[in-house]
C-alpha atoms as a PDB file:
ATOM      1  CA  MET A   1      41.622  -4.240 -72.226  1.00  0.00           C
ATOM      2  CA  LYS A   2      39.375  -3.550 -75.204  1.00  0.00           C
ATOM      3  CA  LEU A   3      35.675  -4.358 -74.995  1.00  0.00           C
ATOM      4  CA  ALA A   4      35.844  -6.597 -78.074  1.00  0.00           C
ATOM      5  CA  THR A   5      38.659  -8.640 -76.495  1.00  0.00           C
ATOM      6  CA  ARG A   6      36.657  -9.037 -73.299  1.00  0.00           C
ATOM      7  CA  ILE A   7      33.605 -10.197 -75.226  1.00  0.00           C
ATOM      8  CA  ASN A   8      35.728 -12.663 -77.215  1.00  0.00           C
ATOM      9  CA  ASN A   9      37.251 -14.055 -73.984  1.00  0.00           C
ATOM     10  CA  ILE A  10      33.945 -14.491 -72.109  1.00  0.00           C
ATOM     11  CA  GLY A  11      33.443 -18.088 -73.169  1.00  0.00           C
ATOM     12  CA  LYS A  12      37.026 -19.155 -72.404  1.00  0.00           C
ATOM     13  CA  LYS A  13      36.657 -19.390 -68.627  1.00  0.00           C
ATOM     14  CA  LYS A  14      35.577 -22.798 -67.323  1.00  0.00           C
ATOM     15  CA  GLY A  15      33.253 -21.472 -64.630  1.00  0.00           C
ATOM     16  CA  LEU A  16      31.363 -19.358 -67.124  1.00  0.00           C
ATOM     17  CA  ARG A  17      31.163 -22.261 -69.554  1.00  0.00           C
ATOM     18  CA  LYS A  18      29.590 -24.476 -66.862  1.00  0.00           C
ATOM     19  CA  LEU A  19      27.131 -21.688 -66.102  1.00  0.00           C
ATOM     20  CA  GLY A  20      26.470 -21.487 -69.846  1.00  0.00           C
ATOM     21  CA  HIS A  21      25.621 -25.205 -69.894  1.00  0.00           C
ATOM     22  CA  VAL A  22      23.141 -24.679 -67.059  1.00  0.00           C
ATOM     23  CA  ILE A  23      21.598 -21.670 -68.813  1.00  0.00           C
ATOM     24  CA  PHE A  24      21.321 -23.709 -72.028  1.00  0.00           C
ATOM     25  CA  ALA A  25      19.481 -26.499 -70.200  1.00  0.00           C
ATOM     26  CA  ILE A  26      17.172 -23.998 -68.504  1.00  0.00           C
ATOM     27  CA  GLY A  27      16.489 -22.332 -71.853  1.00  0.00           C
ATOM     28  CA  ILE A  28      15.498 -25.615 -73.497  1.00  0.00           C
ATOM     29  CA  ILE A  29      13.273 -26.496 -70.532  1.00  0.00           C
ATOM     30  CA  LEU A  30      11.654 -23.048 -70.671  1.00  0.00           C
ATOM     31  CA  ALA A  31      11.065 -23.405 -74.425  1.00  0.00           C
ATOM     32  CA  LEU A  32       9.269 -26.690 -73.779  1.00  0.00           C
ATOM     33  CA  PHE A  33       7.343 -25.310 -70.811  1.00  0.00           C
ATOM     34  CA  PHE A  34       6.221 -22.193 -72.701  1.00  0.00           C
ATOM     35  CA  THR A  35       5.079 -24.389 -75.594  1.00  0.00           C
ATOM     36  CA  PHE A  36       2.734 -26.478 -73.490  1.00  0.00           C
ATOM     37  CA  GLU A  37       1.581 -23.586 -71.297  1.00  0.00           C
ATOM     38  CA  ASN A  38       0.130 -21.718 -74.293  1.00  0.00           C
ATOM     39  CA  PRO A  39      -1.881 -22.739 -77.336  1.00  0.00           C
ATOM     40  CA  PRO A  40       0.403 -23.724 -80.252  1.00  0.00           C
ATOM     41  CA  ASN A  41       2.329 -20.821 -81.821  1.00  0.00           C
ATOM     42  CA  GLN A  42       1.041 -18.268 -79.309  1.00  0.00           C
ATOM     43  CA  LEU A  43       4.065 -17.358 -77.241  1.00  0.00           C
ATOM     44  CA  LYS A  44       3.523 -14.389 -74.927  1.00  0.00           C
ATOM     45  CA  PRO A  45       5.877 -11.425 -75.459  1.00  0.00           C
ATOM     46  CA  TRP A  46       7.497 -11.685 -72.022  1.00  0.00           C
ATOM     47  CA  GLN A  47       8.163 -15.379 -72.616  1.00  0.00           C
ATOM     48  CA  GLY A  48       9.860 -14.560 -75.912  1.00  0.00           C
ATOM     49  CA  LEU A  49      12.041 -11.961 -74.203  1.00  0.00           C
ATOM     50  CA  ILE A  50      13.103 -14.495 -71.560  1.00  0.00           C
ATOM     51  CA  LEU A  51      14.033 -17.016 -74.256  1.00  0.00           C
ATOM     52  CA  LEU A  52      15.988 -14.371 -76.180  1.00  0.00           C
ATOM     53  CA  ALA A  53      17.887 -13.276 -73.044  1.00  0.00           C
ATOM     54  CA  PHE A  54      18.823 -16.856 -72.174  1.00  0.00           C
ATOM     55  CA  GLY A  55      19.916 -17.438 -75.780  1.00  0.00           C
ATOM     56  CA  LEU A  56      22.186 -14.388 -75.691  1.00  0.00           C
ATOM     57  CA  LEU A  57      23.820 -15.646 -72.513  1.00  0.00           C
ATOM     58  CA  VAL A  58      24.352 -19.057 -74.112  1.00  0.00           C
ATOM     59  CA  GLY A  59      25.906 -17.480 -77.201  1.00  0.00           C
ATOM     60  CA  LEU A  60      28.314 -15.462 -75.082  1.00  0.00           C
ATOM     61  CA  MET A  61      29.249 -18.077 -72.475  1.00  0.00           C
ATOM     62  CA  ASP A  62      28.689 -21.600 -73.714  1.00  0.00           C
ATOM     63  CA  ILE A  63      29.969 -21.901 -77.282  1.00  0.00           C
ATOM     64  CA  LYS A  64      33.665 -22.722 -77.667  1.00  0.00           C
ATOM     65  CA  GLN A  65      35.658 -21.617 -80.706  1.00  0.00           C
ATOM     66  CA  GLU A  66      35.640 -25.084 -82.310  1.00  0.00           C
ATOM     67  CA  GLU A  67      31.867 -25.389 -81.784  1.00  0.00           C
ATOM     68  CA  LEU A  68      30.945 -22.219 -83.676  1.00  0.00           C
ATOM     69  CA  VAL A  69      30.322 -23.737 -87.113  1.00  0.00           C
ATOM     70  CA  PRO A  70      28.441 -26.850 -85.876  1.00  0.00           C
ATOM     71  CA  PHE A  71      26.284 -24.561 -83.697  1.00  0.00           C
ATOM     72  CA  LEU A  72      25.374 -22.414 -86.699  1.00  0.00           C
ATOM     73  CA  ILE A  73      24.644 -25.463 -88.873  1.00  0.00           C
ATOM     74  CA  ALA A  74      22.425 -26.937 -86.151  1.00  0.00           C
ATOM     75  CA  PHE A  75      20.544 -23.637 -85.908  1.00  0.00           C
ATOM     76  CA  ILE A  76      19.983 -23.616 -89.673  1.00  0.00           C
ATOM     77  CA  GLY A  77      18.612 -27.163 -89.368  1.00  0.00           C
ATOM     78  CA  ILE A  78      16.202 -26.123 -86.619  1.00  0.00           C
ATOM     79  CA  ILE A  79      15.007 -23.174 -88.714  1.00  0.00           C
ATOM     80  CA  ILE A  80      14.412 -25.426 -91.729  1.00  0.00           C
ATOM     81  CA  VAL A  81      12.572 -28.112 -89.758  1.00  0.00           C
ATOM     82  CA  SER A  82      10.478 -25.565 -87.847  1.00  0.00           C
ATOM     83  CA  ASN A  83       9.071 -24.378 -91.175  1.00  0.00           C
ATOM     84  CA  ALA A  84       7.831 -27.865 -92.105  1.00  0.00           C
ATOM     85  CA  PRO A  85       4.031 -28.171 -92.203  1.00  0.00           C
ATOM     86  CA  LEU A  86       3.888 -30.473 -89.175  1.00  0.00           C
ATOM     87  CA  GLN A  87       0.499 -29.137 -88.130  1.00  0.00           C
ATOM     88  CA  ASP A  88      -0.935 -30.459 -91.419  1.00  0.00           C
ATOM     89  CA  ALA A  89       0.982 -33.749 -91.445  1.00  0.00           C
ATOM     90  CA  ILE A  90       0.204 -34.824 -87.868  1.00  0.00           C
ATOM     91  CA  THR A  91      -3.301 -33.673 -86.998  1.00  0.00           C
ATOM     92  CA  TYR A  92      -4.113 -36.069 -84.158  1.00  0.00           C
ATOM     93  CA  ASN A  93      -4.728 -33.974 -80.997  1.00  0.00           C
ATOM     94  CA  GLN A  94      -2.702 -31.118 -82.510  1.00  0.00           C
ATOM     95  CA  ILE A  95       0.543 -33.059 -81.997  1.00  0.00           C
ATOM     96  CA  GLY A  96       2.015 -31.570 -85.177  1.00  0.00           C
ATOM     97  CA  ALA A  97       1.132 -28.037 -84.101  1.00  0.00           C
ATOM     98  CA  TYR A  98       2.811 -28.551 -80.723  1.00  0.00           C
ATOM     99  CA  LEU A  99       5.912 -30.101 -82.343  1.00  0.00           C
ATOM    100  CA  LYS A 100       6.190 -27.116 -84.653  1.00  0.00           C
ATOM    101  CA  SER A 101       5.685 -24.756 -81.721  1.00  0.00           C
ATOM    102  CA  VAL A 102       8.486 -26.482 -79.756  1.00  0.00           C
ATOM    103  CA  LEU A 103      10.868 -26.081 -82.702  1.00  0.00           C
ATOM    104  CA  ILE A 104       9.920 -22.427 -83.174  1.00  0.00           C
ATOM    105  CA  ASN A 105      10.423 -21.703 -79.456  1.00  0.00           C
ATOM    106  CA  ILE A 106      13.842 -23.383 -79.534  1.00  0.00           C
ATOM    107  CA  ALA A 107      14.716 -21.291 -82.595  1.00  0.00           C
ATOM    108  CA  ILE A 108      13.636 -18.139 -80.730  1.00  0.00           C
ATOM    109  CA  PHE A 109      15.767 -19.229 -77.777  1.00  0.00           C
ATOM    110  CA  LEU A 110      18.861 -19.663 -79.959  1.00  0.00           C
ATOM    111  CA  THR A 111      18.414 -16.562 -82.131  1.00  0.00           C
ATOM    112  CA  LEU A 112      20.435 -14.045 -80.078  1.00  0.00           C
ATOM    113  CA  GLY A 113      22.968 -16.762 -79.321  1.00  0.00           C
ATOM    114  CA  VAL A 114      23.528 -17.107 -83.058  1.00  0.00           C
ATOM    115  CA  VAL A 115      23.875 -13.322 -83.363  1.00  0.00           C
ATOM    116  CA  ALA A 116      26.540 -13.363 -80.620  1.00  0.00           C
ATOM    117  CA  VAL A 117      28.367 -16.262 -82.296  1.00  0.00           C
ATOM    118  CA  CYS A 118      28.260 -14.508 -85.681  1.00  0.00           C
ATOM    119  CA  ALA A 119      29.619 -11.332 -84.098  1.00  0.00           C
ATOM    120  CA  ARG A 120      32.505 -13.342 -82.614  1.00  0.00           C
ATOM    121  CA  ILE A 121      33.246 -14.913 -86.003  1.00  0.00           C
ATOM    122  CA  ILE A 122      33.159 -11.552 -87.777  1.00  0.00           C
ATOM    123  CA  TYR A 123      35.419 -10.039 -85.130  1.00  0.00           C
ATOM    124  CA  ARG A 124      37.861 -12.936 -85.465  1.00  0.00           C
ATOM    125  CA  ILE A 125      37.944 -12.554 -89.265  1.00  0.00           C
ATOM    126  CA  TYR A 126      38.491  -8.813 -88.922  1.00  0.00           C
ATOM    127  CA  LYS A 127      41.262  -9.320 -86.368  1.00  0.00           C
ATOM    128  CA  GLU A 128      43.054 -11.911 -88.517  1.00  0.00           C
ATOM    129  CA  SER A 129      42.856  -9.763 -91.639  1.00  0.00           C
ATOM    130  CA  SER A 130      44.497  -6.769 -89.935  1.00  0.00           C
END
């Protein structure tokens, strides 16, 4: 079996999808935990690597074929909102800075997942055009 076919079939097994749901939940919890463990917008490199690794696993295991486009649109929304000047709008006890940091950490978490999803979409388009 070709490697590309194996990668495309990873998310189709129910056991892996359930594991993907668990990894997604852990990734969101870690993004929140890392936000409040550090000063706003100061994620440590090893924490970023953990978030990226969990995001890659989510992109490979958790996203079904019919969820690809909504997942990408949601990611674009998170990227847009994370660039809002929340730290200037909500200055009380740095709440805005922490909100922005949470959104940035979630975006970091989902980044490699989006790359995996885009690779699956490109592969599917290539396969259908052949």
